PDB file of N, CA and C in Angstrom:
ATOM      1  N   UNK A   1     127.695 106.180  98.203  1.00  0.00           N
ATOM      2  CA  UNK A   1     128.467 106.466  97.046  1.00  0.00           C
ATOM      3  C   UNK A   1     127.558 106.460  95.817  1.00  0.00           C
ATOM      4  N   UNK A   2     127.845 107.356  94.916  1.00  0.00           N
ATOM      5  CA  UNK A   2     127.150 107.379  93.634  1.00  0.00           C
ATOM      6  C   UNK A   2     128.153 107.263  92.521  1.00  0.00           C
ATOM      7  N   UNK A   3     127.721 106.869  91.355  1.00  0.00           N
ATOM      8  CA  UNK A   3     128.601 106.764  90.219  1.00  0.00           C
ATOM      9  C   UNK A   3     129.323 108.097  90.000  1.00  0.00           C
ATOM     10  N   UNK A   4     130.656 108.045  89.880  1.00  0.00           N
ATOM     11  CA  UNK A   4     131.425 109.236  89.661  1.00  0.00           C
ATOM     12  C   UNK A   4     132.032 109.842  90.930  1.00  0.00           C
ATOM     13  N   UNK A   5     131.531 109.437  92.124  1.00  0.00           N
ATOM     14  CA  UNK A   5     132.098 109.952  93.366  1.00  0.00           C
ATOM     15  C   UNK A   5     133.512 109.410  93.541  1.00  0.00           C
ATOM     16  N   UNK A   6     134.354 110.246  94.163  1.00  0.00           N
ATOM     17  CA  UNK A   6     135.751 109.833  94.450  1.00  0.00           C
ATOM     18  C   UNK A   6     136.010 110.038  95.931  1.00  0.00           C
ATOM     19  N   UNK A   7     137.030 109.334  96.430  1.00  0.00           N
ATOM     20  CA  UNK A   7     137.417 109.548  97.835  1.00  0.00           C
ATOM     21  C   UNK A   7     137.837 110.969  98.089  1.00  0.00           C
ATOM     22  N   UNK A   8     138.505 111.557  97.116  1.00  0.00           N
ATOM     23  CA  UNK A   8     138.932 112.949  97.233  1.00  0.00           C
ATOM     24  C   UNK A   8     137.752 113.881  97.421  1.00  0.00           C
ATOM     25  N   UNK A   9     136.701 113.702  96.623  1.00  0.00           N
ATOM     26  CA  UNK A   9     135.503 114.542  96.740  1.00  0.00           C
ATOM     27  C   UNK A   9     134.818 114.330  98.092  1.00  0.00           C
ATOM     28  N   UNK A  10     134.672 113.048  98.474  1.00  0.00           N
ATOM     29  CA  UNK A  10     134.028 112.753  99.737  1.00  0.00           C
ATOM     30  C   UNK A  10     134.816 113.385 100.888  1.00  0.00           C
ATOM     31  N   UNK A  11     136.142 113.253 100.823  1.00  0.00           N
ATOM     32  CA  UNK A  11     136.983 113.867 101.818  1.00  0.00           C
ATOM     33  C   UNK A  11     136.757 115.391 101.914  1.00  0.00           C
ATOM     34  N   UNK A  12     136.662 116.022 100.751  1.00  0.00           N
ATOM     35  CA  UNK A  12     136.402 117.491 100.753  1.00  0.00           C
ATOM     36  C   UNK A  12     135.037 117.802 101.354  1.00  0.00           C
ATOM     37  N   UNK A  13     134.018 117.040 100.974  1.00  0.00           N
ATOM     38  CA  UNK A  13     132.651 117.293 101.492  1.00  0.00           C
ATOM     39  C   UNK A  13     132.600 117.197 103.005  1.00  0.00           C
ATOM     40  N   UNK A  14     133.339 116.217 103.592  1.00  0.00           N
ATOM     41  CA  UNK A  14     133.210 115.931 105.009  1.00  0.00           C
ATOM     42  C   UNK A  14     134.473 116.275 105.803  1.00  0.00           C
ATOM     43  N   UNK A  15     135.366 117.027 105.163  1.00  0.00           N
ATOM     44  CA  UNK A  15     136.568 117.522 105.870  1.00  0.00           C
ATOM     45  C   UNK A  15     137.448 116.404 106.439  1.00  0.00           C
ATOM     46  N   UNK A  16     137.654 115.364 105.613  1.00  0.00           N
ATOM     47  CA  UNK A  16     138.512 114.233 106.005  1.00  0.00           C
ATOM     48  C   UNK A  16     139.487 113.977 104.851  1.00  0.00           C
ATOM     49  N   UNK A  17     140.777 113.891 105.097  1.00  0.00           N
ATOM     50  CA  UNK A  17     141.716 113.601 104.015  1.00  0.00           C
ATOM     51  C   UNK A  17     141.374 112.277 103.316  1.00  0.00           C
ATOM     52  N   UNK A  18     141.458 112.263 102.007  1.00  0.00           N
ATOM     53  CA  UNK A  18     141.120 111.020 101.262  1.00  0.00           C
ATOM     54  C   UNK A  18     142.021 109.870 101.693  1.00  0.00           C
ATOM     55  N   UNK A  19     143.243 110.154 102.074  1.00  0.00           N
ATOM     56  CA  UNK A  19     144.138 109.090 102.509  1.00  0.00           C
ATOM     57  C   UNK A  19     143.609 108.412 103.775  1.00  0.00           C
ATOM     58  N   UNK A  20     143.009 109.219 104.651  1.00  0.00           N
ATOM     59  CA  UNK A  20     142.416 108.662 105.874  1.00  0.00           C
ATOM     60  C   UNK A  20     141.216 107.805 105.569  1.00  0.00           C
ATOM     61  N   UNK A  21     140.410 108.248 104.595  1.00  0.00           N
ATOM     62  CA  UNK A  21     139.244 107.451 104.168  1.00  0.00           C
ATOM     63  C   UNK A  21     139.736 106.115 103.590  1.00  0.00           C
ATOM     64  N   UNK A  22     140.794 106.184 102.782  1.00  0.00           N
ATOM     65  CA  UNK A  22     141.338 104.961 102.193  1.00  0.00           C
ATOM     66  C   UNK A  22     141.807 103.997 103.287  1.00  0.00           C
ATOM     67  N   UNK A  23     142.494 104.522 104.307  1.00  0.00           N
ATOM     68  CA  UNK A  23     143.002 103.693 105.401  1.00  0.00           C
ATOM     69  C   UNK A  23     141.851 103.128 106.238  1.00  0.00           C
ATOM     70  N   UNK A  24     140.927 103.985 106.643  1.00  0.00           N
ATOM     71  CA  UNK A  24     139.807 103.542 107.513  1.00  0.00           C
ATOM     72  C   UNK A  24     138.924 102.484 106.859  1.00  0.00           C
ATOM     73  N   UNK A  25     138.833 102.532 105.549  1.00  0.00           N
ATOM     74  CA  UNK A  25     137.940 101.640 104.802  1.00  0.00           C
ATOM     75  C   UNK A  25     138.661 100.499 104.149  1.00  0.00           C
ATOM     76  N   UNK A  26     139.993 100.381 104.397  1.00  0.00           N
ATOM     77  CA  UNK A  26     140.795  99.323 103.841  1.00  0.00           C
ATOM     78  C   UNK A  26     140.583  99.200 102.307  1.00  0.00           C
ATOM     79  N   UNK A  27     140.728 100.331 101.630  1.00  0.00           N
ATOM     80  CA  UNK A  27     140.545 100.389 100.177  1.00  0.00           C
ATOM     81  C   UNK A  27     141.924 100.392  99.536  1.00  0.00           C
ATOM     82  N   UNK A  28     142.304  99.263  98.856  1.00  0.00           N
ATOM     83  CA  UNK A  28     143.651  99.222  98.276  1.00  0.00           C
ATOM     84  C   UNK A  28     143.834 100.198  97.138  1.00  0.00           C
ATOM     85  N   UNK A  29     142.794 100.401  96.338  1.00  0.00           N
ATOM     86  CA  UNK A  29     142.884 101.308  95.162  1.00  0.00           C
ATOM     87  C   UNK A  29     141.837 102.417  95.331  1.00  0.00           C
ATOM     88  N   UNK A  30     142.280 103.648  95.639  1.00  0.00           N
ATOM     89  CA  UNK A  30     141.304 104.723  95.884  1.00  0.00           C
ATOM     90  C   UNK A  30     140.428 105.039  94.646  1.00  0.00           C
ATOM     91  N   UNK A  31     140.834 104.548  93.478  1.00  0.00           N
ATOM     92  CA  UNK A  31     140.063 104.773  92.266  1.00  0.00           C
ATOM     93  C   UNK A  31     139.000 103.708  92.038  1.00  0.00           C
ATOM     94  N   UNK A  32     138.989 102.655  92.875  1.00  0.00           N
ATOM     95  CA  UNK A  32     138.008 101.598  92.692  1.00  0.00           C
ATOM     96  C   UNK A  32     137.021 101.566  93.841  1.00  0.00           C
ATOM     97  N   UNK A  33     136.156 102.567  93.897  1.00  0.00           N
ATOM     98  CA  UNK A  33     135.021 102.595  94.831  1.00  0.00           C
ATOM     99  C   UNK A  33     133.759 102.476  93.993  1.00  0.00           C
ATOM    100  N   UNK A  34     132.690 102.026  94.576  1.00  0.00           N
ATOM    101  CA  UNK A  34     131.517 101.726  93.765  1.00  0.00           C
ATOM    102  C   UNK A  34     130.243 102.355  94.349  1.00  0.00           C
ATOM    103  N   UNK A  35     129.255 102.573  93.451  1.00  0.00           N
ATOM    104  CA  UNK A  35     127.992 103.180  93.921  1.00  0.00           C
ATOM    105  C   UNK A  35     127.350 102.299  95.012  1.00  0.00           C
ATOM    106  N   UNK A  36     126.829 102.962  96.052  1.00  0.00           N
ATOM    107  CA  UNK A  36     126.189 102.243  97.149  1.00  0.00           C
ATOM    108  C   UNK A  36     127.145 101.857  98.251  1.00  0.00           C
ATOM    109  N   UNK A  37     128.450 101.951  98.008  1.00  0.00           N
ATOM    110  CA  UNK A  37     129.416 101.578  99.021  1.00  0.00           C
ATOM    111  C   UNK A  37     129.324 102.493 100.212  1.00  0.00           C
ATOM    112  N   UNK A  38     129.365 101.940 101.435  1.00  0.00           N
ATOM    113  CA  UNK A  38     129.348 102.714 102.637  1.00  0.00           C
ATOM    114  C   UNK A  38     130.781 103.064 102.985  1.00  0.00           C
ATOM    115  N   UNK A  39     130.994 104.335 103.368  1.00  0.00           N
ATOM    116  CA  UNK A  39     132.344 104.822 103.662  1.00  0.00           C
ATOM    117  C   UNK A  39     132.402 105.244 105.135  1.00  0.00           C
ATOM    118  N   UNK A  40     133.325 104.669 105.862  1.00  0.00           N
ATOM    119  CA  UNK A  40     133.583 105.037 107.246  1.00  0.00           C
ATOM    120  C   UNK A  40     134.332 106.361 107.262  1.00  0.00           C
ATOM    121  N   UNK A  41     133.820 107.326 108.022  1.00  0.00           N
ATOM    122  CA  UNK A  41     134.453 108.646 108.066  1.00  0.00           C
ATOM    123  C   UNK A  41     135.399 108.803 109.262  1.00  0.00           C
ATOM    124  N   UNK A  42     135.213 107.981 110.273  1.00  0.00           N
ATOM    125  CA  UNK A  42     136.042 108.096 111.464  1.00  0.00           C
ATOM    126  C   UNK A  42     136.197 106.682 112.057  1.00  0.00           C
ATOM    127  N   UNK A  43     137.160 106.524 112.910  1.00  0.00           N
ATOM    128  CA  UNK A  43     137.462 105.231 113.510  1.00  0.00           C
ATOM    129  C   UNK A  43     136.649 105.009 114.784  1.00  0.00           C
ATOM    130  N   UNK A  44     135.322 105.244 114.680  1.00  0.00           N
ATOM    131  CA  UNK A  44     134.461 105.117 115.861  1.00  0.00           C
ATOM    132  C   UNK A  44     133.278 104.229 115.607  1.00  0.00           C
ATOM    133  N   UNK A  45     133.356 103.392 114.584  1.00  0.00           N
ATOM    134  CA  UNK A  45     132.240 102.472 114.298  1.00  0.00           C
ATOM    135  C   UNK A  45     131.157 103.097 113.420  1.00  0.00           C
ATOM    136  N   UNK A  46     131.334 104.352 113.038  1.00  0.00           N
ATOM    137  CA  UNK A  46     130.324 105.010 112.194  1.00  0.00           C
ATOM    138  C   UNK A  46     130.725 104.812 110.714  1.00  0.00           C
ATOM    139  N   UNK A  47     129.744 104.512 109.934  1.00  0.00           N
ATOM    140  CA  UNK A  47     129.916 104.545 108.490  1.00  0.00           C
ATOM    141  C   UNK A  47     128.973 105.574 107.929  1.00  0.00           C
ATOM    142  N   UNK A  48     129.214 105.966 106.736  1.00  0.00           N
ATOM    143  CA  UNK A  48     128.437 107.023 106.108  1.00  0.00           C
ATOM    144  C   UNK A  48     127.777 106.519 104.846  1.00  0.00           C
ATOM    145  N   UNK A  49     126.476 106.696 104.764  1.00  0.00           N
ATOM    146  CA  UNK A  49     125.783 106.477 103.514  1.00  0.00           C
ATOM    147  C   UNK A  49     125.630 107.899 102.917  1.00  0.00           C
ATOM    148  N   UNK A  50     126.196 108.118 101.766  1.00  0.00           N
ATOM    149  CA  UNK A  50     126.137 109.423 101.138  1.00  0.00           C
ATOM    150  C   UNK A  50     124.811 109.570 100.424  1.00  0.00           C
ATOM    151  N   UNK A  51     124.082 110.624 100.779  1.00  0.00           N
ATOM    152  CA  UNK A  51     122.772 110.890 100.187  1.00  0.00           C
ATOM    153  C   UNK A  51     122.898 112.196  99.423  1.00  0.00           C
ATOM    154  N   UNK A  52     122.383 112.222  98.191  1.00  0.00           N
ATOM    155  CA  UNK A  52     122.360 113.453  97.397  1.00  0.00           C
ATOM    156  C   UNK A  52     121.029 114.134  97.543  1.00  0.00           C
ATOM    157  N   UNK A  53     121.037 115.352  98.051  1.00  0.00           N
ATOM    158  CA  UNK A  53     119.805 116.117  98.280  1.00  0.00           C
ATOM    159  C   UNK A  53     119.035 116.340  96.981  1.00  0.00           C
ATOM    160  N   UNK A  54     117.728 116.177  97.058  1.00  0.00           N
ATOM    161  CA  UNK A  54     116.863 116.434  95.878  1.00  0.00           C
ATOM    162  C   UNK A  54     116.007 117.645  96.180  1.00  0.00           C
ATOM    163  N   UNK A  55     115.487 118.233  95.124  1.00  0.00           N
ATOM    164  CA  UNK A  55     114.613 119.393  95.300  1.00  0.00           C
ATOM    165  C   UNK A  55     113.472 119.059  96.272  1.00  0.00           C
ATOM    166  N   UNK A  56     113.232 119.957  97.208  1.00  0.00           N
ATOM    167  CA  UNK A  56     112.177 119.784  98.178  1.00  0.00           C
ATOM    168  C   UNK A  56     112.569 119.035  99.453  1.00  0.00           C
ATOM    169  N   UNK A  57     113.757 118.423  99.451  1.00  0.00           N
ATOM    170  CA  UNK A  57     114.220 117.739 100.659  1.00  0.00           C
ATOM    171  C   UNK A  57     114.455 118.714 101.795  1.00  0.00           C
ATOM    172  N   UNK A  58     114.237 118.269 103.037  1.00  0.00           N
ATOM    173  CA  UNK A  58     114.627 118.995 104.208  1.00  0.00           C
ATOM    174  C   UNK A  58     115.489 118.056 105.079  1.00  0.00           C
ATOM    175  N   UNK A  59     116.284 118.622 105.935  1.00  0.00           N
ATOM    176  CA  UNK A  59     117.107 117.801 106.835  1.00  0.00           C
ATOM    177  C   UNK A  59     116.202 116.946 107.730  1.00  0.00           C
ATOM    178  N   UNK A  60     115.091 117.520 108.157  1.00  0.00           N
ATOM    179  CA  UNK A  60     114.171 116.771 109.006  1.00  0.00           C
ATOM    180  C   UNK A  60     113.594 115.553 108.276  1.00  0.00           C
ATOM    181  N   UNK A  61     113.172 115.750 107.022  1.00  0.00           N
ATOM    182  CA  UNK A  61     112.586 114.635 106.239  1.00  0.00           C
ATOM    183  C   UNK A  61     113.653 113.590 105.940  1.00  0.00           C
ATOM    184  N   UNK A  62     114.860 114.007 105.623  1.00  0.00           N
ATOM    185  CA  UNK A  62     115.966 113.027 105.373  1.00  0.00           C
ATOM    186  C   UNK A  62     116.223 112.258 106.635  1.00  0.00           C
ATOM    187  N   UNK A  63     116.247 112.925 107.770  1.00  0.00           N
ATOM    188  CA  UNK A  63     116.435 112.236 109.041  1.00  0.00           C
ATOM    189  C   UNK A  63     115.342 111.218 109.316  1.00  0.00           C
ATOM    190  N   UNK A  64     114.099 111.586 109.082  1.00  0.00           N
ATOM    191  CA  UNK A  64     112.991 110.646 109.291  1.00  0.00           C
ATOM    192  C   UNK A  64     113.130 109.449 108.361  1.00  0.00           C
ATOM    193  N   UNK A  65     113.476 109.695 107.101  1.00  0.00           N
ATOM    194  CA  UNK A  65     113.619 108.609 106.132  1.00  0.00           C
ATOM    195  C   UNK A  65     114.661 107.595 106.556  1.00  0.00           C
ATOM    196  N   UNK A  66     115.765 108.071 107.148  1.00  0.00           N
ATOM    197  CA  UNK A  66     116.867 107.185 107.549  1.00  0.00           C
ATOM    198  C   UNK A  66     116.919 106.930 109.035  1.00  0.00           C
ATOM    199  N   UNK A  67     115.923 107.400 109.780  1.00  0.00           N
ATOM    200  CA  UNK A  67     115.856 107.193 111.228  1.00  0.00           C
ATOM    201  C   UNK A  67     117.042 107.743 111.975  1.00  0.00           C
ATOM    202  N   UNK A  68     117.384 108.953 111.612  1.00  0.00           N
ATOM    203  CA  UNK A  68     118.492 109.690 112.281  1.00  0.00           C
ATOM    204  C   UNK A  68     117.908 111.078 112.659  1.00  0.00           C
ATOM    205  N   UNK A  69     118.165 111.482 113.884  1.00  0.00           N
ATOM    206  CA  UNK A  69     117.661 112.822 114.295  1.00  0.00           C
ATOM    207  C   UNK A  69     118.261 113.906 113.425  1.00  0.00           C
ATOM    208  N   UNK A  70     117.450 114.911 113.116  1.00  0.00           N
ATOM    209  CA  UNK A  70     117.911 115.995 112.239  1.00  0.00           C
ATOM    210  C   UNK A  70     119.106 116.723 112.907  1.00  0.00           C
ATOM    211  N   UNK A  71     119.109 116.787 114.226  1.00  0.00           N
ATOM    212  CA  UNK A  71     120.231 117.461 114.926  1.00  0.00           C
ATOM    213  C   UNK A  71     121.553 116.737 114.669  1.00  0.00           C
ATOM    214  N   UNK A  72     121.474 115.387 114.665  1.00  0.00           N
ATOM    215  CA  UNK A  72     122.665 114.586 114.415  1.00  0.00           C
ATOM    216  C   UNK A  72     123.150 114.822 112.981  1.00  0.00           C
ATOM    217  N   UNK A  73     122.213 114.842 112.016  1.00  0.00           N
ATOM    218  CA  UNK A  73     122.584 115.106 110.634  1.00  0.00           C
ATOM    219  C   UNK A  73     123.250 116.474 110.508  1.00  0.00           C
ATOM    220  N   UNK A  74     122.672 117.465 111.148  1.00  0.00           N
ATOM    221  CA  UNK A  74     123.213 118.826 111.111  1.00  0.00           C
ATOM    222  C   UNK A  74     124.619 118.847 111.691  1.00  0.00           C
ATOM    223  N   UNK A  75     124.828 118.238 112.835  1.00  0.00           N
ATOM    224  CA  UNK A  75     126.145 118.214 113.460  1.00  0.00           C
ATOM    225  C   UNK A  75     127.144 117.412 112.597  1.00  0.00           C
ATOM    226  N   UNK A  76     126.770 116.236 112.169  1.00  0.00           N
ATOM    227  CA  UNK A  76     127.700 115.328 111.469  1.00  0.00           C
ATOM    228  C   UNK A  76     128.135 115.918 110.132  1.00  0.00           C
ATOM    229  N   UNK A  77     127.268 116.761 109.547  1.00  0.00           N
ATOM    230  CA  UNK A  77     127.571 117.339 108.193  1.00  0.00           C
ATOM    231  C   UNK A  77     128.043 118.778 108.299  1.00  0.00           C
ATOM    232  N   UNK A  78     128.258 119.264 109.510  1.00  0.00           N
ATOM    233  CA  UNK A  78     128.737 120.659 109.709  1.00  0.00           C
ATOM    234  C   UNK A  78     127.817 121.682 109.003  1.00  0.00           C
ATOM    235  N   UNK A  79     126.527 121.505 109.156  1.00  0.00           N
ATOM    236  CA  UNK A  79     125.561 122.378 108.513  1.00  0.00           C
ATOM    237  C   UNK A  79     125.283 123.598 109.415  1.00  0.00           C
ATOM    238  N   UNK A  80     125.740 124.746 108.990  1.00  0.00           N
ATOM    239  CA  UNK A  80     125.517 125.987 109.790  1.00  0.00           C
ATOM    240  C   UNK A  80     124.018 126.294 109.822  1.00  0.00           C
ATOM    241  N   UNK A  81     123.327 126.072 108.680  1.00  0.00           N
ATOM    242  CA  UNK A  81     121.902 126.358 108.589  1.00  0.00           C
ATOM    243  C   UNK A  81     121.226 125.159 107.966  1.00  0.00           C
ATOM    244  N   UNK A  82     120.558 124.330 108.743  1.00  0.00           N
ATOM    245  CA  UNK A  82     119.934 123.112 108.184  1.00  0.00           C
ATOM    246  C   UNK A  82     118.799 123.422 107.229  1.00  0.00           C
ATOM    247  N   UNK A  83     118.313 124.650 107.245  1.00  0.00           N
ATOM    248  CA  UNK A  83     117.243 125.021 106.289  1.00  0.00           C
ATOM    249  C   UNK A  83     117.801 125.445 104.943  1.00  0.00           C
ATOM    250  N   UNK A  84     119.118 125.469 104.798  1.00  0.00           N
ATOM    251  CA  UNK A  84     119.743 125.969 103.557  1.00  0.00           C
ATOM    252  C   UNK A  84     120.386 124.861 102.733  1.00  0.00           C
ATOM    253  N   UNK A  85     119.904 123.612 102.846  1.00  0.00           N
ATOM    254  CA  UNK A  85     120.446 122.571 101.968  1.00  0.00           C
ATOM    255  C   UNK A  85     119.923 122.780 100.566  1.00  0.00           C
ATOM    256  N   UNK A  86     120.653 122.291  99.578  1.00  0.00           N
ATOM    257  CA  UNK A  86     120.270 122.524  98.201  1.00  0.00           C
ATOM    258  C   UNK A  86     120.388 121.265  97.318  1.00  0.00           C
ATOM    259  N   UNK A  87     119.614 121.146  96.288  1.00  0.00           N
ATOM    260  CA  UNK A  87     119.709 119.974  95.452  1.00  0.00           C
ATOM    261  C   UNK A  87     121.121 119.735  94.929  1.00  0.00           C
ATOM    262  N   UNK A  88     121.572 118.492  94.965  1.00  0.00           N
ATOM    263  CA  UNK A  88     122.901 118.165  94.540  1.00  0.00           C
ATOM    264  C   UNK A  88     123.909 118.084  95.695  1.00  0.00           C
ATOM    265  N   UNK A  89     123.555 118.710  96.818  1.00  0.00           N
ATOM    266  CA  UNK A  89     124.452 118.689  97.977  1.00  0.00           C
ATOM    267  C   UNK A  89     124.535 117.266  98.539  1.00  0.00           C
ATOM    268  N   UNK A  90     125.702 116.869  99.030  1.00  0.00           N
ATOM    269  CA  UNK A  90     125.913 115.555  99.607  1.00  0.00           C
ATOM    270  C   UNK A  90     125.697 115.638 101.133  1.00  0.00           C
ATOM    271  N   UNK A  91     124.917 114.732 101.657  1.00  0.00           N
ATOM    272  CA  UNK A  91     124.668 114.642 103.100  1.00  0.00           C
ATOM    273  C   UNK A  91     125.133 113.255 103.521  1.00  0.00           C
ATOM    274  N   UNK A  92     125.893 113.233 104.635  1.00  0.00           N
ATOM    275  CA  UNK A  92     126.342 111.955 105.200  1.00  0.00           C
ATOM    276  C   UNK A  92     125.256 111.470 106.177  1.00  0.00           C
ATOM    277  N   UNK A  93     124.785 110.245 105.940  1.00  0.00           N
ATOM    278  CA  UNK A  93     123.826 109.649 106.842  1.00  0.00           C
ATOM    279  C   UNK A  93     124.623 108.656 107.733  1.00  0.00           C
ATOM    280  N   UNK A  94     124.903 109.033 108.984  1.00  0.00           N
ATOM    281  CA  UNK A  94     125.715 108.124 109.806  1.00  0.00           C
ATOM    282  C   UNK A  94     124.976 106.856 110.156  1.00  0.00           C
ATOM    283  N   UNK A  95     125.692 105.746 110.086  1.00  0.00           N
ATOM    284  CA  UNK A  95     125.132 104.457 110.374  1.00  0.00           C
ATOM    285  C   UNK A  95     126.062 103.683 111.279  1.00  0.00           C
ATOM    286  N   UNK A  96     125.548 103.138 112.318  1.00  0.00           N
ATOM    287  CA  UNK A  96     126.373 102.366 113.299  1.00  0.00           C
ATOM    288  C   UNK A  96     126.639 100.973 112.716  1.00  0.00           C
ATOM    289  N   UNK A  97     127.840 100.466 112.893  1.00  0.00           N
ATOM    290  CA  UNK A  97     128.175  99.109 112.471  1.00  0.00           C
ATOM    291  C   UNK A  97     128.297  98.260 113.708  1.00  0.00           C
ATOM    292  N   UNK A  98     128.396  96.953 113.534  1.00  0.00           N
ATOM    293  CA  UNK A  98     128.566  96.054 114.656  1.00  0.00           C
ATOM    294  C   UNK A  98     129.970  96.098 115.209  1.00  0.00           C
ATOM    295  N   UNK A  99     130.881  96.820 114.577  1.00  0.00           N
ATOM    296  CA  UNK A  99     132.285  96.859 114.982  1.00  0.00           C
ATOM    297  C   UNK A  99     132.602  97.932 116.039  1.00  0.00           C
ATOM    298  N   UNK A 100     131.652  98.879 116.262  1.00  0.00           N
ATOM    299  CA  UNK A 100     132.023  99.968 117.111  1.00  0.00           C
ATOM    300  C   UNK A 100     131.043 100.343 118.143  1.00  0.00           C
TER     301      UNK A 100
END
């Protein structure tokens, strides 16, 4: 999460209704989310660290930085062309929790 992000925007980016994000993350007030907060996108033990693409980033480099295979990033973010990411785009970095 970054300052100014909303559940509604995150839901749009990752094709998940904001109400489901609110439920999965046990968030009483959808307007009170904070920068750096990890958001679970599905009920499978995965949480998402939202990364904002910077100029010069590649999916492969982002994957290396966060120790996630680029293929998984491509699949998880529904990227038709992993070479076509752009600055400002939000990428979900899936992270396994101890709960799933």
